Structure formats: C-alpha cells, structure tokens
Amino acid sequence: MTTSLVTGASSGIGRAFAERLAREGHDLVVVARDRARLERLAGELHDRHGVSVDVLVADLADREQTEEVCLRLADRDRPVDLLVNNAGFGLRGRFLDNDVVQEEAALDVMVRAVLLTSHAAGRAMRERGRGRIVNVSSVASFLAGDTYSAEKSFVTVFSEGLAGQLAGTGVTVTAVCPGLTRSEFHERARMSLAGVPRSLWLDADEVARQGLADAAAGRVVSVPGVQWRALSLLVRALPRPALRRVSRLVSGPRRR
C-alpha cells in the first residue's frame, strides 16, 4: 500500500486531495497547524476508507517545524510515495500596505517550505527509483501581480525545473495550477470576490481529481478546468507589457 503526505490537509484543496487519496486506498500523513481538525479528519478517513492516517502538526512558516515534515519525508523505513505540497497563505492587501512579517511568513510557507520538502522527498524518491511530487500552485503564477503571484510563479517554475532534473529516475513532479476554487482560502484572507462569474469557480474535489490524474500521466503543469486552461493559454501568449497591464487589473484578489 502506498503512503501520501499532504500539507494544508485540514481544509479546502488539501482536504480534497486527502479524501480522494484515501478513497483510492492510500495511507496518509496529514499536515497542518490545527491538531483538532487534523485528528477529526484522520478519524473520518480511517472510518470511511479503512486507511491508516497519521497526524503531523506543523506550522510551515516555522523552520524547525518544517524540518519535522522533511524528516518524515526522508524516513527510509516509512517511505512516502506521493507528496502533495498544498499549504497556502493569503494576504488581502497590496505588498507595501501589508505587514512585512506577514509577507515573510507567506514566503516561508509557499516558497521555502515547498523547496525544503521537495528536496527531502525528491532525494528519498530518487534513491528508491519511484515517487511523485505534486506542488499546488495557481493560475496567478502566470501573471505579473503581487507577492502571491510571485510566490506561486516560483512554485510553477521550480516544479518544471525539478521535473526536468528527475526525468528518467522514476520520479515525477507536477505543478497543479487551479483558478478560483471554493474553499476557506478567500474567507480566511477576508477577500471579497463578489461579482465573479459562477462559471469561473472550481470545485476542490475536481481540482484534486484532475491534479492527481495529470500527475499519474506524468504531466508537468496541470491546469484544472477547461475555462482556466483556456484563460491560462491566453495569458501566457500575451507580450509581457500587455501581461503587466492585465495583472494590474486583477492584482487585488488572490487567484487560488
């Protein structure tokens, strides 16, 4: 039986990944900051699907706690076959209006933690000759927007580069880039997205389903939802000056 580790597993897209993987028979290690929510999730998944679910409480903005996750990923006696890096961090305002400590925490969660956990998992998987890394990015990574866009751009480009380095080793890397997805993400960041067309919203379970299917197929970049695939192709075809103008128009709300 395979084991998957999911960060940010207590809600939203992370929870959807955990639920789908449990449904498919994967044992799990679920990672988030809230022990109560993780333990409740672990009990539900075990009861419904009969899989083993370990709880690992960690704040990925904290270097020492992130190291605990890395040690679990590197454990040769308890191999992790699939890493899903999903933990996210949303800030409402623009960069210069935000507390720089909060901006640094967001950077730690969405850049440093992704780098460290991918390094630990990638080495262990390469040694075994098999494994998958799924890094949840965003269509915002294709824009030239705020720091969220920049952080997700790192995730996408980093994943593409690591996928190339691991080609032929039996280990694959996929950046999953969803658009607007129904979850607690925007709620927690107090972002108002009133007026956004319903057709643009994605379901978290569909994001997880498509992301895992694309990872299984060896795709390096996955954009769930036909509407977002079309929009992302259009955005990526724009000249950079035009892209910057578009990005200025949408740089208020985060796109995840």
Protein backbone atom coordinates (compact mmCIF):
# COMPACT_ATOMS: atom_id res chain seq x y z
CA MET A 1 0.00 0.00 0.00
CA THR A 2 1.29 3.46 -0.87
CA THR A 3 1.63 6.38 1.53
CA SER A 4 0.89 10.01 0.64
CA LEU A 5 1.77 13.11 2.65
CA VAL A 6 -0.48 16.16 2.20
CA THR A 7 0.30 19.60 3.62
CA GLY A 8 -2.51 22.04 4.35
CA ALA A 9 -4.74 18.97 4.64
CA SER A 10 -7.29 20.27 7.15
CA SER A 11 -9.45 22.21 4.66
CA GLY A 12 -10.07 23.21 1.07
CA ILE A 13 -7.97 21.75 -1.73
CA GLY A 14 -5.67 19.94 0.71
CA ARG A 15 -8.59 18.16 2.33
CA ALA A 16 -9.93 17.25 -1.11
CA PHE A 17 -6.58 15.69 -2.01
CA ALA A 18 -6.53 13.74 1.28
CA GLU A 19 -10.10 12.50 0.82
CA ARG A 20 -9.52 11.40 -2.78
CA LEU A 21 -6.26 9.64 -1.95
CA ALA A 22 -7.90 7.81 0.98
CA ARG A 23 -10.75 6.79 -1.33
CA GLU A 24 -8.15 5.31 -3.68
CA GLY A 25 -6.62 3.31 -0.82
CA HIS A 26 -3.57 5.39 0.09
CA ASP A 27 -2.35 5.51 3.67
CA LEU A 28 -1.86 9.14 4.65
CA VAL A 29 0.22 11.58 6.63
CA VAL A 30 -1.83 14.77 7.02
CA VAL A 31 -0.04 18.01 7.90
CA ALA A 32 -1.49 21.34 9.12
CA ARG A 33 -1.39 23.65 12.15
CA ASP A 34 -4.72 22.69 13.74
CA ARG A 35 -4.41 19.40 15.65
CA ALA A 36 -8.13 19.11 16.40
CA ARG A 37 -9.14 19.44 12.77
CA LEU A 38 -6.43 17.02 11.64
CA GLU A 39 -7.42 14.39 14.20
CA ARG A 40 -11.07 14.73 13.20
CA LEU A 41 -10.11 14.34 9.53
CA ALA A 42 -7.91 11.34 10.31
CA GLY A 43 -10.75 9.61 12.15
CA GLU A 44 -13.23 10.26 9.35
CA LEU A 45 -10.91 8.99 6.62
CA HIS A 46 -9.99 5.88 8.59
CA ASP A 47 -13.61 5.07 9.34
CA ARG A 48 -14.82 5.62 5.78
CA HIS A 49 -11.97 4.06 3.83
CA GLY A 50 -10.06 1.82 6.26
CA VAL A 51 -6.72 3.50 5.61
CA SER A 52 -4.05 4.44 8.13
CA VAL A 53 -3.86 8.21 8.74
CA ASP A 54 -1.01 9.75 10.74
CA VAL A 55 -1.34 13.31 12.06
CA LEU A 56 1.67 15.60 11.86
CA VAL A 57 1.04 19.05 13.34
CA ALA A 58 3.35 21.67 11.82
CA ASP A 59 3.35 25.36 11.00
CA LEU A 60 5.30 25.58 7.75
CA ALA A 61 6.18 29.21 8.45
CA ASP A 62 8.39 27.81 11.23
CA ARG A 63 11.76 26.40 10.06
CA GLU A 64 12.05 23.82 12.84
CA GLN A 65 8.51 22.52 12.35
CA THR A 66 9.07 22.30 8.60
CA GLU A 67 12.17 20.22 9.32
CA GLU A 68 9.97 17.69 11.13
CA VAL A 69 7.97 17.25 7.94
CA CYS A 70 11.20 16.89 5.96
CA LEU A 71 12.45 14.20 8.34
CA ARG A 72 9.23 12.26 7.82
CA LEU A 73 9.62 12.54 4.04
CA ALA A 74 13.22 11.31 4.24
CA ASP A 75 12.44 8.34 6.53
CA ARG A 76 13.68 5.23 4.71
CA ASP A 77 11.73 2.89 6.99
CA ARG A 78 8.41 4.64 6.31
CA PRO A 79 8.61 5.74 2.68
CA VAL A 80 6.31 8.42 1.32
CA ASP A 81 5.32 7.64 -2.27
CA LEU A 82 3.45 10.86 -3.02
CA LEU A 83 3.97 14.37 -1.63
CA VAL A 84 1.22 16.96 -2.10
CA ASN A 85 2.51 20.43 -1.20
CA ASN A 86 -0.72 22.35 -0.77
CA ALA A 87 -0.31 24.63 2.27
CA GLY A 88 -1.21 28.19 1.30
CA PHE A 89 -1.17 31.66 2.79
CA GLY A 90 -3.39 34.54 1.68
CA LEU A 91 -2.92 38.25 2.36
CA ARG A 92 -5.61 40.76 1.48
CA GLY A 93 -3.75 43.98 0.77
CA ARG A 94 -1.01 45.05 -1.59
CA PHE A 95 2.63 44.43 -0.74
CA LEU A 96 3.55 47.87 0.60
CA ASP A 97 0.36 48.07 2.64
CA ASN A 98 0.90 44.72 4.37
CA ASP A 99 2.90 43.90 7.49
CA VAL A 100 6.26 42.69 6.20
CA VAL A 101 6.33 39.98 8.91
CA GLN A 102 3.16 38.51 7.41
CA GLU A 103 4.63 38.79 3.93
CA GLU A 104 7.70 36.91 5.13
CA ALA A 105 5.52 34.18 6.67
CA ALA A 106 3.70 33.76 3.36
CA LEU A 107 7.05 33.45 1.60
CA ASP A 108 8.15 30.83 4.11
CA VAL A 109 5.02 28.71 3.61
CA MET A 110 4.70 28.93 -0.16
CA VAL A 111 8.36 29.09 -1.21
CA ARG A 112 10.79 27.92 1.45
CA ALA A 113 8.64 25.03 2.69
CA VAL A 114 7.98 23.85 -0.88
CA LEU A 115 11.71 23.94 -1.60
CA LEU A 116 12.67 22.08 1.58
CA THR A 117 10.00 19.39 1.41
CA SER A 118 10.58 18.82 -2.31
CA HIS A 119 14.30 18.42 -1.62
CA ALA A 120 13.71 15.86 1.13
CA ALA A 121 11.07 13.94 -0.81
CA GLY A 122 12.90 14.17 -4.12
CA ARG A 123 16.11 12.70 -2.73
CA ALA A 124 14.32 9.84 -0.97
CA MET A 125 12.19 9.06 -4.02
CA ARG A 126 15.15 9.21 -6.41
CA GLU A 127 17.01 6.75 -4.23
CA ARG A 128 14.05 4.34 -4.39
CA GLY A 129 13.51 4.95 -8.11
CA ARG A 130 9.86 5.92 -7.81
CA GLY A 131 7.56 8.60 -6.44
CA ARG A 132 5.51 11.68 -7.25
CA ILE A 133 5.64 15.26 -6.07
CA VAL A 134 2.56 17.43 -6.61
CA ASN A 135 3.05 21.13 -5.84
CA VAL A 136 -0.19 23.12 -5.74
CA SER A 137 0.47 26.42 -7.47
CA SER A 138 -2.08 28.76 -9.09
CA VAL A 139 -3.02 30.40 -12.38
CA ALA A 140 -1.73 33.52 -10.60
CA SER A 141 1.74 32.12 -11.31
CA PHE A 142 1.24 33.09 -14.98
CA LEU A 143 0.60 36.74 -14.09
CA ALA A 144 2.89 39.60 -13.05
CA GLY A 145 0.95 40.54 -9.95
CA ASP A 146 1.54 40.80 -6.23
CA THR A 147 3.71 38.68 -3.96
CA TYR A 148 1.22 35.80 -4.08
CA SER A 149 1.66 35.74 -7.85
CA ALA A 150 5.44 35.83 -7.43
CA GLU A 151 5.45 33.05 -4.85
CA LYS A 152 3.25 30.84 -7.00
CA SER A 153 5.43 31.65 -10.01
CA PHE A 154 8.32 30.18 -8.03
CA VAL A 155 6.29 27.03 -7.34
CA THR A 156 5.43 26.52 -11.01
CA VAL A 157 8.90 27.24 -12.42
CA PHE A 158 10.63 25.33 -9.62
CA SER A 159 8.41 22.31 -10.29
CA GLU A 160 9.17 22.45 -14.02
CA GLY A 161 12.89 22.60 -13.33
CA LEU A 162 12.83 19.77 -10.78
CA ALA A 163 10.76 17.63 -13.16
CA GLY A 164 13.49 18.04 -15.76
CA GLN A 165 16.23 17.11 -13.29
CA LEU A 166 14.35 13.97 -12.25
CA ALA A 167 13.45 12.84 -15.77
CA GLY A 168 14.26 9.15 -16.22
CA THR A 169 14.58 8.44 -12.48
CA GLY A 170 11.04 7.13 -11.93
CA VAL A 171 10.11 10.28 -10.01
CA THR A 172 7.71 12.86 -11.47
CA VAL A 173 6.88 16.42 -10.44
CA THR A 174 3.64 18.23 -11.30
CA ALA A 175 2.62 21.82 -10.62
CA VAL A 176 -1.18 21.99 -10.25
CA CYS A 177 -2.40 25.49 -11.14
CA PRO A 178 -6.08 25.96 -10.24
CA GLY A 179 -8.07 29.12 -10.69
CA LEU A 180 -10.71 30.27 -8.23
CA THR A 181 -11.68 27.30 -6.06
CA ARG A 182 -14.43 27.08 -3.45
CA SER A 183 -12.60 26.79 -0.13
CA GLU A 184 -11.80 28.66 3.09
CA PHE A 185 -8.81 30.34 1.43
CA HIS A 186 -10.52 33.59 0.49
CA GLU A 187 -12.59 33.62 3.69
CA ARG A 188 -9.52 33.46 5.92
CA ALA A 189 -7.82 36.25 3.98
CA ARG A 190 -11.06 38.33 4.15
CA MET A 191 -11.15 38.69 0.37
CA SER A 192 -14.38 39.73 -1.30
CA LEU A 193 -14.90 38.14 -4.71
CA ALA A 194 -18.50 39.24 -5.21
CA GLY A 195 -19.36 39.56 -8.87
CA VAL A 196 -17.02 36.83 -10.08
CA PRO A 197 -18.95 34.72 -12.62
CA ARG A 198 -20.07 31.36 -11.25
CA SER A 199 -18.62 29.67 -14.35
CA LEU A 200 -15.11 30.53 -13.18
CA TRP A 201 -15.39 28.74 -9.84
CA LEU A 202 -13.86 25.28 -9.47
CA ASP A 203 -14.77 22.55 -7.00
CA ALA A 204 -11.93 21.45 -4.72
CA ASP A 205 -12.57 17.76 -5.39
CA GLU A 206 -12.35 18.33 -9.14
CA VAL A 207 -9.03 20.15 -8.67
CA ALA A 208 -7.70 17.17 -6.69
CA ARG A 209 -9.06 14.65 -9.20
CA GLN A 210 -7.58 16.41 -12.21
CA GLY A 211 -4.30 17.17 -10.46
CA LEU A 212 -3.77 13.53 -9.46
CA ALA A 213 -4.79 12.30 -12.92
CA ASP A 214 -2.30 14.65 -14.57
CA ALA A 215 0.42 13.65 -12.10
CA ALA A 216 -0.25 9.97 -12.87
CA ALA A 217 0.06 10.79 -16.58
CA GLY A 218 3.41 12.49 -15.98
CA ARG A 219 2.25 15.98 -16.90
CA VAL A 220 4.49 18.70 -15.51
CA VAL A 221 1.90 21.52 -15.43
CA SER A 222 -1.77 20.83 -14.71
CA VAL A 223 -4.48 23.49 -15.05
CA PRO A 224 -7.81 22.05 -13.85
CA GLY A 225 -10.99 23.26 -15.56
CA VAL A 226 -11.41 23.89 -19.26
CA GLN A 227 -12.23 27.55 -18.60
CA TRP A 228 -8.97 28.10 -16.73
CA ARG A 229 -6.92 26.14 -19.28
CA ALA A 230 -8.23 28.46 -21.99
CA LEU A 231 -7.58 31.58 -19.92
CA SER A 232 -4.10 30.44 -18.93
CA LEU A 233 -3.16 29.78 -22.57
CA LEU A 234 -4.36 33.27 -23.47
CA VAL A 235 -2.45 34.88 -20.60
CA ARG A 236 0.77 33.03 -21.42
CA ALA A 237 0.52 34.13 -25.06
CA LEU A 238 0.42 37.83 -24.14
CA PRO A 239 3.53 40.01 -24.55
CA ARG A 240 4.99 40.95 -21.16
CA PRO A 241 3.93 44.63 -21.29
CA ALA A 242 0.33 43.56 -22.01
CA LEU A 243 0.53 40.93 -19.28
CA ARG A 244 1.64 43.56 -16.77
CA ARG A 245 -1.34 45.72 -17.69
CA VAL A 246 -3.73 42.79 -17.27
CA SER A 247 -2.09 41.88 -13.97
CA ARG A 248 -2.62 45.38 -12.60
CA LEU A 249 -6.34 44.99 -13.19
CA VAL A 250 -6.60 41.73 -11.24
CA SER A 251 -3.92 42.21 -8.59
CA GLY A 252 -6.42 42.84 -5.77
CA PRO A 253 -7.92 39.39 -5.02
CA ARG A 254 -5.75 36.28 -4.90
CA ARG A 255 -6.44 33.63 -7.54
CA ARG A 256 -6.48 30.22 -5.78
